[in-house]
N, C-alpha and C. Protein backbone atom coordinates (compact mmCIF):
# COMPACT_ATOMS: atom_id res chain seq x y z
N MET A 1 0.75 -1.18 0.01
CA MET A 1 -0.12 0.00 0.03
C MET A 1 0.88 1.28 -0.13
N ASP A 2 0.95 2.04 -1.00
CA ASP A 2 1.64 3.21 -1.03
C ASP A 2 0.81 4.65 -0.91
N SER A 3 -0.33 4.60 -1.34
CA SER A 3 -1.27 5.76 -1.24
C SER A 3 -2.34 5.95 -0.32
N LEU A 4 -2.55 6.99 0.18
CA LEU A 4 -3.60 7.15 1.20
C LEU A 4 -4.86 6.62 0.56
N LEU A 5 -5.26 6.73 -0.54
CA LEU A 5 -6.47 6.11 -1.33
C LEU A 5 -6.41 4.61 -1.04
N ASP A 6 -5.23 4.09 -1.09
CA ASP A 6 -5.42 2.57 -1.07
C ASP A 6 -5.79 2.25 0.18
N TYR A 7 -5.08 3.04 1.20
CA TYR A 7 -5.54 2.74 2.59
C TYR A 7 -6.96 3.00 2.93
N LEU A 8 -7.61 4.05 2.38
CA LEU A 8 -8.90 4.41 2.62
C LEU A 8 -9.76 3.17 2.10
N ASP A 9 -9.38 2.85 0.83
CA ASP A 9 -10.03 1.61 0.11
C ASP A 9 -9.94 0.32 1.03
N GLN A 10 -9.03 0.17 1.59
CA GLN A 10 -8.81 -0.96 2.72
C GLN A 10 -9.82 -1.06 3.81
N ILE A 11 -9.77 0.41 4.44
CA ILE A 11 -10.75 0.58 5.60
C ILE A 11 -12.18 0.31 5.05
N GLU A 12 -12.47 0.89 3.72
CA GLU A 12 -13.77 0.58 3.34
C GLU A 12 -14.20 -0.84 3.12
N ASP A 13 -13.07 -1.68 2.61
CA ASP A 13 -13.19 -3.12 2.67
C ASP A 13 -13.53 -3.73 4.00
N ILE A 14 -12.90 -3.37 4.88
CA ILE A 14 -13.08 -3.74 6.18
C ILE A 14 -14.46 -3.54 6.82
N LEU A 15 -15.00 -2.34 6.52
CA LEU A 15 -16.27 -1.96 6.90
C LEU A 15 -17.32 -2.67 6.31
N ASP A 16 -17.07 -2.88 4.83
CA ASP A 16 -18.12 -3.61 4.05
C ASP A 16 -18.15 -5.11 4.66
N ALA A 17 -16.96 -5.61 4.88
CA ALA A 17 -17.09 -7.07 5.35
C ALA A 17 -17.38 -7.44 6.84
N SER A 18 -17.43 -6.32 7.43
CA SER A 18 -17.95 -6.52 8.97
C SER A 18 -19.51 -6.88 9.01
N LYS A 19 -19.69 -7.47 10.24
CA LYS A 19 -20.93 -8.21 10.47
C LYS A 19 -21.71 -7.02 11.07
N SER A 20 -23.12 -6.86 10.73
CA SER A 20 -24.10 -6.04 11.03
C SER A 20 -24.60 -6.51 12.44
N VAL A 21 -24.92 -5.57 13.20
CA VAL A 21 -25.75 -5.76 14.67
C VAL A 21 -27.16 -5.96 14.34
N PRO A 22 -27.73 -6.97 14.72
CA PRO A 22 -29.17 -6.99 14.42
C PRO A 22 -30.05 -5.88 15.10
N PHE A 23 -30.92 -5.64 14.24
CA PHE A 23 -32.04 -4.28 14.66
C PHE A 23 -31.38 -3.02 14.74
N SER A 24 -30.24 -2.73 14.12
CA SER A 24 -29.65 -1.51 14.12
C SER A 24 -28.92 -1.15 12.92
N ASN A 25 -28.47 0.04 12.90
CA ASN A 25 -27.54 0.31 11.71
C ASN A 25 -26.06 0.37 12.18
N LYS A 26 -25.65 -0.41 13.05
CA LYS A 26 -24.29 -0.62 13.57
C LYS A 26 -23.79 -1.73 12.99
N ILE A 27 -22.37 -1.88 13.18
CA ILE A 27 -21.65 -3.00 12.55
C ILE A 27 -20.60 -3.37 13.62
N SER A 28 -20.14 -4.68 13.51
CA SER A 28 -19.36 -5.09 14.39
C SER A 28 -17.85 -5.07 13.73
N VAL A 29 -16.74 -4.22 14.12
CA VAL A 29 -15.64 -4.22 13.49
C VAL A 29 -14.48 -4.88 14.13
N GLU A 30 -13.52 -5.40 13.30
CA GLU A 30 -12.37 -6.00 14.02
C GLU A 30 -11.45 -4.74 14.41
N LYS A 31 -11.17 -4.33 15.55
CA LYS A 31 -10.59 -3.19 15.93
C LYS A 31 -9.15 -3.33 15.42
N GLU A 32 -8.49 -4.41 15.70
CA GLU A 32 -7.09 -4.68 15.15
C GLU A 32 -6.78 -4.34 13.78
N ARG A 33 -7.75 -4.82 12.90
CA ARG A 33 -7.41 -4.54 11.58
C ARG A 33 -7.46 -3.13 11.06
N ILE A 34 -8.51 -2.34 11.72
CA ILE A 34 -8.53 -0.97 11.54
C ILE A 34 -7.30 -0.26 12.15
N TYR A 35 -6.82 -0.57 13.34
CA TYR A 35 -5.60 -0.04 13.93
C TYR A 35 -4.23 -0.39 12.96
N ASP A 36 -4.30 -1.55 12.28
CA ASP A 36 -3.20 -1.94 11.64
C ASP A 36 -2.94 -1.09 10.39
N VAL A 37 -4.31 -0.92 9.74
CA VAL A 37 -4.48 0.26 8.48
C VAL A 37 -3.91 1.66 9.00
N MET A 38 -4.42 2.05 10.15
CA MET A 38 -4.16 3.47 10.76
C MET A 38 -2.68 3.52 10.90
N ASN A 39 -1.91 2.48 11.51
CA ASN A 39 -0.47 2.47 11.64
C ASN A 39 0.13 2.66 10.27
N GLU A 40 -0.20 1.83 9.30
CA GLU A 40 0.37 2.09 7.89
C GLU A 40 0.24 3.39 7.40
N ILE A 41 -1.00 4.08 7.59
CA ILE A 41 -1.20 5.39 7.25
C ILE A 41 -0.28 6.41 7.75
N ARG A 42 -0.02 6.13 9.16
CA ARG A 42 0.95 7.03 9.91
C ARG A 42 2.40 6.81 9.40
N LEU A 43 2.74 5.67 9.00
CA LEU A 43 4.29 5.40 8.50
C LEU A 43 4.36 5.90 7.10
N HIS A 44 3.33 5.92 6.41
CA HIS A 44 3.47 6.57 4.80
C HIS A 44 3.06 7.87 4.89
N LEU A 45 2.64 8.53 5.84
CA LEU A 45 1.84 9.87 5.62
C LEU A 45 3.03 10.87 5.59
N PRO A 46 4.02 10.79 6.33
CA PRO A 46 5.10 11.97 6.17
C PRO A 46 5.63 11.93 4.76
N ALA A 47 5.71 10.78 4.13
CA ALA A 47 6.51 10.80 2.73
C ALA A 47 5.47 11.76 1.79
N GLU A 48 4.10 11.33 1.96
CA GLU A 48 3.17 12.23 1.17
C GLU A 48 3.11 13.65 1.47
N ILE A 49 3.24 13.84 2.68
CA ILE A 49 3.40 15.22 3.34
C ILE A 49 4.66 15.94 2.57
N ARG A 50 5.83 15.26 2.70
CA ARG A 50 7.02 15.80 2.13
C ARG A 50 6.94 16.09 0.62
N GLN A 51 6.25 15.06 -0.06
CA GLN A 51 5.95 15.45 -1.50
C GLN A 51 5.12 16.52 -1.73
N ALA A 52 4.19 16.67 -0.94
CA ALA A 52 3.15 17.95 -1.12
C ALA A 52 4.11 19.20 -0.75
N GLN A 53 4.76 19.15 0.21
CA GLN A 53 5.50 20.19 0.61
C GLN A 53 6.45 20.64 -0.51
N ARG A 54 7.16 19.77 -1.17
CA ARG A 54 7.95 20.08 -2.51
C ARG A 54 7.21 20.63 -3.58
N ILE A 55 6.23 20.03 -3.53
CA ILE A 55 5.30 20.51 -4.78
C ILE A 55 4.97 22.07 -4.46
N ILE A 56 4.59 22.40 -3.16
CA ILE A 56 4.41 23.80 -2.81
C ILE A 56 5.52 24.66 -3.05
N GLU A 57 6.70 24.22 -2.60
CA GLU A 57 7.95 24.93 -2.61
C GLU A 57 8.34 25.14 -4.17
N ASP A 58 7.95 24.21 -5.09
CA ASP A 58 8.33 24.29 -6.47
C ASP A 58 7.20 25.43 -7.09
N HIS A 59 6.09 25.49 -6.56
CA HIS A 59 5.04 26.38 -6.98
C HIS A 59 5.48 27.61 -6.47
N ASP A 60 6.12 28.00 -5.39
CA ASP A 60 6.58 29.21 -4.80
C ASP A 60 7.71 29.71 -5.65
N LYS A 61 8.56 28.70 -5.87
CA LYS A 61 9.86 29.10 -6.63
C LYS A 61 9.31 29.47 -8.18
N ILE A 62 8.27 29.04 -8.64
CA ILE A 62 7.92 29.25 -10.05
C ILE A 62 7.42 30.55 -9.92
N LEU A 63 6.52 30.85 -8.99
CA LEU A 63 5.92 32.27 -8.76
C LEU A 63 6.99 33.49 -8.58
N ASN A 64 7.96 33.15 -7.71
CA ASN A 64 9.01 33.93 -7.36
C ASN A 64 9.85 34.21 -8.75
N ASP A 65 10.14 33.33 -9.62
CA ASP A 65 10.76 33.47 -10.89
C ASP A 65 9.92 34.25 -11.68
N ALA A 66 8.82 33.93 -11.69
CA ALA A 66 7.75 34.65 -12.74
C ALA A 66 7.57 36.26 -12.23
N ARG A 67 7.66 36.54 -10.96
CA ARG A 67 7.62 37.79 -10.50
C ARG A 67 9.07 38.62 -10.86
N THR A 68 10.14 38.01 -10.72
CA THR A 68 11.36 38.43 -10.97
C THR A 68 11.50 38.80 -12.39
N LYS A 69 11.01 37.82 -13.47
CA LYS A 69 11.04 38.08 -14.69
C LYS A 69 10.06 39.12 -15.21
N ALA A 70 9.10 39.34 -14.46
CA ALA A 70 8.00 40.41 -14.64
C ALA A 70 8.79 41.78 -14.29
N LEU A 71 9.24 41.89 -13.31
CA LEU A 71 10.04 43.00 -12.96
C LEU A 71 11.13 43.39 -13.81
N SER A 72 11.84 42.46 -14.29
CA SER A 72 12.80 42.59 -15.24
C SER A 72 12.24 43.19 -16.55
N ILE A 73 11.27 42.60 -17.02
CA ILE A 73 10.52 43.19 -18.30
C ILE A 73 10.11 44.43 -18.14
N LEU A 74 9.28 44.77 -16.92
CA LEU A 74 8.89 46.15 -16.69
C LEU A 74 10.05 47.09 -16.64
N LYS A 75 11.18 46.84 -16.05
CA LYS A 75 12.23 47.75 -15.96
C LYS A 75 12.73 48.11 -17.42
N GLU A 76 12.77 46.91 -18.15
CA GLU A 76 13.43 47.15 -19.66
C GLU A 76 12.36 47.92 -20.41
N ALA A 77 11.11 47.65 -20.16
CA ALA A 77 10.12 48.45 -20.93
C ALA A 77 10.20 49.90 -20.56
N GLU A 78 10.46 50.15 -19.16
CA GLU A 78 10.67 51.60 -18.59
C GLU A 78 11.86 52.28 -19.32
N GLU A 79 12.74 51.53 -19.48
CA GLU A 79 13.92 52.12 -20.12
C GLU A 79 13.91 52.36 -21.79
N ASP A 80 12.99 51.40 -22.30
CA ASP A 80 12.60 51.63 -23.61
C ASP A 80 11.82 52.89 -24.03
N ALA A 81 10.86 52.93 -22.89
CA ALA A 81 10.03 54.21 -23.15
C ALA A 81 10.68 55.46 -23.04
N LYS A 82 11.81 55.39 -22.12
CA LYS A 82 12.69 56.70 -21.89
C LYS A 82 13.35 57.03 -23.15
N VAL A 83 13.86 55.93 -23.86
CA VAL A 83 14.65 56.30 -24.97
C VAL A 83 13.64 56.64 -25.93
N LEU A 84 12.45 56.07 -26.29
CA LEU A 84 11.56 56.68 -27.12
C LEU A 84 11.20 57.88 -27.01
N THR A 85 10.92 58.39 -25.74
CA THR A 85 10.43 59.74 -25.34
C THR A 85 11.52 60.76 -25.81
N ASN A 86 12.71 60.25 -25.55
CA ASN A 86 13.93 61.20 -25.93
C ASN A 86 14.13 61.14 -27.46
N GLU A 87 13.56 60.39 -28.14
CA GLU A 87 13.75 60.34 -29.70
C GLU A 87 12.40 61.03 -30.24
N HIS A 88 12.27 62.30 -29.69
CA HIS A 88 11.01 63.06 -30.18
C HIS A 88 10.91 63.23 -31.66
N GLU A 89 12.06 63.55 -32.43
CA GLU A 89 12.02 63.76 -33.66
C GLU A 89 11.39 62.71 -34.55
N ILE A 90 11.78 61.33 -34.11
CA ILE A 90 11.16 60.22 -34.88
C ILE A 90 9.63 60.26 -34.61
N PHE A 91 9.13 60.57 -33.46
CA PHE A 91 7.70 60.65 -32.92
C PHE A 91 7.15 61.85 -34.04
N ARG A 92 7.76 63.01 -34.16
CA ARG A 92 7.27 64.09 -34.76
C ARG A 92 6.98 63.65 -36.55
N ARG A 93 8.22 62.88 -36.93
CA ARG A 93 8.00 62.61 -38.28
C ARG A 93 6.97 61.60 -38.62
N ALA A 94 6.81 60.65 -37.74
CA ALA A 94 5.73 59.65 -37.61
C ALA A 94 4.40 60.22 -37.73
N ASN A 95 4.27 61.35 -36.77
CA ASN A 95 3.04 61.77 -36.60
C ASN A 95 2.55 62.78 -37.90
N GLU A 96 3.60 63.40 -38.42
CA GLU A 96 3.23 64.00 -39.94
C GLU A 96 3.03 63.02 -41.03
N GLN A 97 3.77 61.91 -41.19
CA GLN A 97 3.36 60.81 -41.84
C GLN A 97 2.13 60.30 -41.64
N ALA A 98 1.52 60.10 -40.49
CA ALA A 98 0.29 59.90 -40.34
C ALA A 98 -0.70 60.77 -40.82
N THR A 99 -0.49 61.93 -40.50
CA THR A 99 -1.19 63.28 -40.94
C THR A 99 -1.43 63.10 -42.56
N ASP A 100 -0.33 62.90 -43.16
CA ASP A 100 -0.32 62.88 -44.75
C ASP A 100 -1.20 61.58 -45.21
N VAL A 101 -1.09 60.49 -44.27
CA VAL A 101 -1.67 59.22 -44.80
C VAL A 101 -3.37 59.40 -44.67
N ILE A 102 -3.76 60.06 -43.55
CA ILE A 102 -5.13 60.42 -43.15
C ILE A 102 -5.69 61.39 -44.36
N GLU A 103 -4.93 62.32 -44.68
CA GLU A 103 -5.41 63.14 -45.66
C GLU A 103 -5.59 62.47 -47.06
N GLU A 104 -4.50 61.75 -47.24
CA GLU A 104 -4.66 60.97 -48.67
C GLU A 104 -5.93 60.11 -48.57
N SER A 105 -6.20 59.42 -47.54
CA SER A 105 -7.34 58.52 -47.18
C SER A 105 -8.40 59.31 -47.59
N LYS A 106 -8.62 60.50 -46.98
CA LYS A 106 -9.73 61.23 -47.01
C LYS A 106 -9.94 61.77 -48.36
N LYS A 107 -8.94 62.17 -49.27
CA LYS A 107 -8.99 62.33 -50.52
C LYS A 107 -9.60 61.10 -51.28
N THR A 108 -8.97 60.03 -51.20
CA THR A 108 -9.36 58.88 -51.83
C THR A 108 -10.88 58.47 -51.54
N ALA A 109 -11.18 58.63 -50.30
CA ALA A 109 -12.61 58.23 -50.02
C ALA A 109 -13.68 59.30 -50.66
N ARG A 110 -13.21 60.46 -50.64
CA ARG A 110 -13.95 61.61 -51.36
C ARG A 110 -14.08 61.34 -52.84
N ASP A 111 -12.93 60.97 -53.59
CA ASP A 111 -13.04 60.41 -54.98
C ASP A 111 -13.98 59.18 -55.09
N TYR A 112 -13.78 58.21 -54.37
CA TYR A 112 -14.59 57.10 -54.26
C TYR A 112 -16.19 57.54 -54.32
N ARG A 113 -16.48 58.44 -53.30
CA ARG A 113 -17.85 58.88 -53.00
C ARG A 113 -18.46 59.51 -54.20
N LEU A 114 -17.53 60.35 -54.99
CA LEU A 114 -18.13 61.21 -56.18
C LEU A 114 -18.21 60.18 -57.31
N SER A 115 -17.28 59.11 -57.35
CA SER A 115 -17.57 58.00 -58.33
C SER A 115 -18.70 57.30 -58.22
N ALA A 116 -19.03 56.92 -56.97
CA ALA A 116 -20.40 56.13 -56.65
C ALA A 116 -21.61 57.13 -57.07
N VAL A 117 -21.37 58.39 -56.76
CA VAL A 117 -22.84 59.16 -56.95
C VAL A 117 -22.83 59.21 -58.44
N ASP A 118 -21.72 59.38 -59.22
CA ASP A 118 -21.89 59.37 -60.76
C ASP A 118 -22.35 58.14 -61.18
N TYR A 119 -21.90 57.06 -60.76
CA TYR A 119 -22.41 55.77 -61.22
C TYR A 119 -23.90 55.49 -60.80
N ALA A 120 -24.22 55.86 -59.61
CA ALA A 120 -25.74 55.79 -59.03
C ALA A 120 -26.51 56.72 -60.11
N ASP A 121 -26.09 57.88 -60.41
CA ASP A 121 -26.79 58.85 -61.23
C ASP A 121 -27.06 58.21 -62.76
N GLY A 122 -25.98 57.64 -63.21
CA GLY A 122 -26.05 56.74 -64.54
C GLY A 122 -27.09 55.90 -64.35
N VAL A 123 -27.16 55.10 -63.37
CA VAL A 123 -28.13 54.01 -63.40
C VAL A 123 -29.40 54.42 -63.23
N LEU A 124 -29.70 55.48 -62.28
CA LEU A 124 -31.01 56.18 -62.20
C LEU A 124 -31.46 56.62 -63.63
N GLU A 125 -30.45 57.42 -64.19
CA GLU A 125 -30.99 57.98 -65.48
C GLU A 125 -31.38 56.90 -66.54
N LYS A 126 -30.64 55.78 -66.53
CA LYS A 126 -31.03 54.74 -67.54
C LYS A 126 -32.39 54.10 -67.00
N ALA A 127 -32.69 53.98 -65.56
CA ALA A 127 -33.94 53.51 -65.25
C ALA A 127 -35.12 54.51 -65.49
N GLU A 128 -34.79 55.72 -65.37
CA GLU A 128 -35.78 56.93 -65.71
C GLU A 128 -36.12 56.84 -67.24
N THR A 129 -34.87 56.66 -68.19
CA THR A 129 -35.30 56.48 -69.69
C THR A 129 -36.07 55.46 -70.00
N THR A 130 -35.75 54.43 -69.51
CA THR A 130 -36.36 53.01 -69.64
C THR A 130 -37.98 53.22 -69.29
N ILE A 131 -38.20 53.75 -67.96
CA ILE A 131 -39.67 53.84 -67.62
C ILE A 131 -40.44 54.80 -68.40
N LYS A 132 -39.84 55.97 -68.93
CA LYS A 132 -40.49 56.76 -70.01
C LYS A 132 -40.76 56.17 -71.15
N ASP A 133 -39.74 55.35 -71.59
CA ASP A 133 -40.11 54.47 -72.82
C ASP A 133 -41.21 53.61 -72.64
N MET A 134 -41.38 52.98 -71.54
CA MET A 134 -42.33 51.71 -71.28
C MET A 134 -43.65 52.73 -71.10
N THR A 135 -43.72 53.93 -70.51
CA THR A 135 -44.94 54.70 -70.45
C THR A 135 -45.38 54.97 -71.69
N VAL A 136 -44.56 55.53 -72.71
CA VAL A 136 -45.03 55.76 -74.11
C VAL A 136 -45.46 54.57 -74.74
N ASN A 137 -44.99 53.32 -74.60
CA ASN A 137 -45.32 52.15 -75.21
C ASN A 137 -46.73 51.87 -74.56
N ILE A 138 -46.77 51.90 -73.30
CA ILE A 138 -48.03 51.20 -72.72
C ILE A 138 -49.32 52.42 -73.18
N ASN A 139 -49.19 53.58 -73.36
CA ASN A 139 -50.00 54.55 -73.64
C ASN A 139 -50.38 54.03 -75.16
N GLU A 140 -49.39 53.96 -75.97
CA GLU A 140 -49.72 53.58 -77.26
C GLU A 140 -50.54 52.19 -77.64
N GLN A 141 -50.05 51.34 -76.53
CA GLN A 141 -50.99 49.96 -76.67
C GLN A 141 -52.27 50.27 -76.15
N LEU A 142 -52.32 51.11 -75.14
CA LEU A 142 -53.68 51.31 -74.55
C LEU A 142 -54.43 52.05 -75.61
N ARG A 143 -53.99 53.11 -76.41
CA ARG A 143 -54.78 53.75 -77.16
C ARG A 143 -55.05 52.66 -78.37
N LEU A 144 -54.42 51.81 -78.80
CA LEU A 144 -54.68 50.75 -79.88
C LEU A 144 -55.82 49.99 -79.22
N THR A 145 -55.65 49.60 -78.06
CA THR A 145 -56.77 48.54 -77.50
C THR A 145 -58.00 49.19 -77.34
N ILE A 146 -57.92 50.57 -76.99
CA ILE A 146 -59.25 51.36 -76.93
C ILE A 146 -59.99 51.46 -78.31
N GLU A 147 -58.85 51.71 -79.23
CA GLU A 147 -59.55 51.87 -80.73
C GLU A 147 -60.08 50.65 -81.20
N HIS A 148 -59.45 49.63 -80.90
CA HIS A 148 -59.97 48.19 -81.20
C HIS A 148 -61.22 47.97 -80.56
N LEU A 149 -61.34 48.11 -79.17
CA LEU A 149 -62.48 47.92 -78.63
C LEU A 149 -63.85 48.63 -79.09
N ASN A 150 -63.52 50.06 -79.39
CA ASN A 150 -64.56 50.92 -79.96
C ASN A 150 -64.94 50.29 -81.43
N GLU A 151 -64.05 49.97 -82.12
CA GLU A 151 -64.46 49.28 -83.38
C GLU A 151 -65.20 48.10 -83.15
N THR A 152 -64.88 47.23 -82.14
CA THR A 152 -65.59 46.07 -81.99
C THR A 152 -66.99 46.29 -81.58
N THR A 153 -67.09 47.46 -80.55
CA THR A 153 -68.37 47.91 -80.17
C THR A 153 -69.24 48.37 -81.46
N ASP A 154 -68.76 49.02 -82.26
CA ASP A 154 -69.55 49.52 -83.35
C ASP A 154 -69.77 48.37 -84.29
N VAL A 155 -68.99 47.29 -84.49
CA VAL A 155 -69.43 46.03 -85.21
C VAL A 155 -70.71 45.51 -84.63
N LEU A 156 -70.47 45.18 -83.21
CA LEU A 156 -71.51 44.59 -82.46
C LEU A 156 -72.79 45.42 -82.49
N TYR A 157 -72.84 46.85 -82.55
CA TYR A 157 -74.02 47.46 -82.70
C TYR A 157 -74.60 47.28 -83.90
N GLU A 158 -73.67 47.51 -84.96
CA GLU A 158 -74.28 47.24 -86.34
C GLU A 158 -74.79 45.79 -86.50
N ASN A 159 -74.20 44.71 -85.90
CA ASN A 159 -74.77 43.32 -85.91
C ASN A 159 -76.11 43.26 -85.43
N ARG A 160 -76.13 43.92 -84.27
CA ARG A 160 -77.51 44.01 -83.43
C ARG A 160 -78.59 44.64 -84.31
N LYS A 161 -78.28 45.69 -84.84
CA LYS A 161 -79.04 46.56 -85.64
C LYS A 161 -79.75 45.78 -86.93
N THR A 162 -78.73 44.99 -87.54
CA THR A 162 -79.14 44.15 -88.63
C THR A 162 -79.85 42.89 -88.16
N ILE A 163 -79.69 42.35 -87.11
CA ILE A 163 -80.46 41.34 -86.59
C ILE A 163 -81.87 41.76 -86.27
N ARG A 164 -82.20 42.86 -85.76
CA ARG A 164 -83.51 43.41 -85.60
C ARG A 164 -84.24 43.98 -86.74
N GLY A 165 -83.52 44.04 -87.70
CA GLY A 165 -84.06 44.50 -89.24
C GLY A 165 -84.02 46.02 -89.36
N GLY A 166 -82.87 46.24 -88.93
CA GLY A 166 -82.73 47.91 -89.34
C GLY A 166 -83.38 48.89 -88.37
N ARG A 167 -83.73 48.41 -87.29
CA ARG A 167 -84.54 49.40 -86.26
C ARG A 167 -83.46 49.96 -85.60
């Protein structure tokens, strides 16, 4: 038996194998077997505690190393920031270039917007022309249809008149 879980399993087996006391929830346990398992736990417990202590120490060491490294990185970043601050001319030029890029982007966006407006105007003009042409065509078709219906109505009237004998 090496681990505490094994010892706990052994105690559980002892309890499961114990005889129950009639008319109660109690059991009769062999005291010596329980004491034997408890002594084994005591003998092996310090090794497991030492192992846990080593794990805690390793954890603390890792945390301390991480803190030291973080402080080193912070110190290096502060030094880099001082150098960058002292290099104001580079910052000024970068700022000018950024301004130029922004202005060029605004000009390009304006050009795109104007092109889009021109394109949309062309599409709308074509749609307007198509609709006007369709309106003229529909009006002509309607005029022809009305004319045809009037002629048909006249023929029907004449046919009715003929059927009635000219009356």
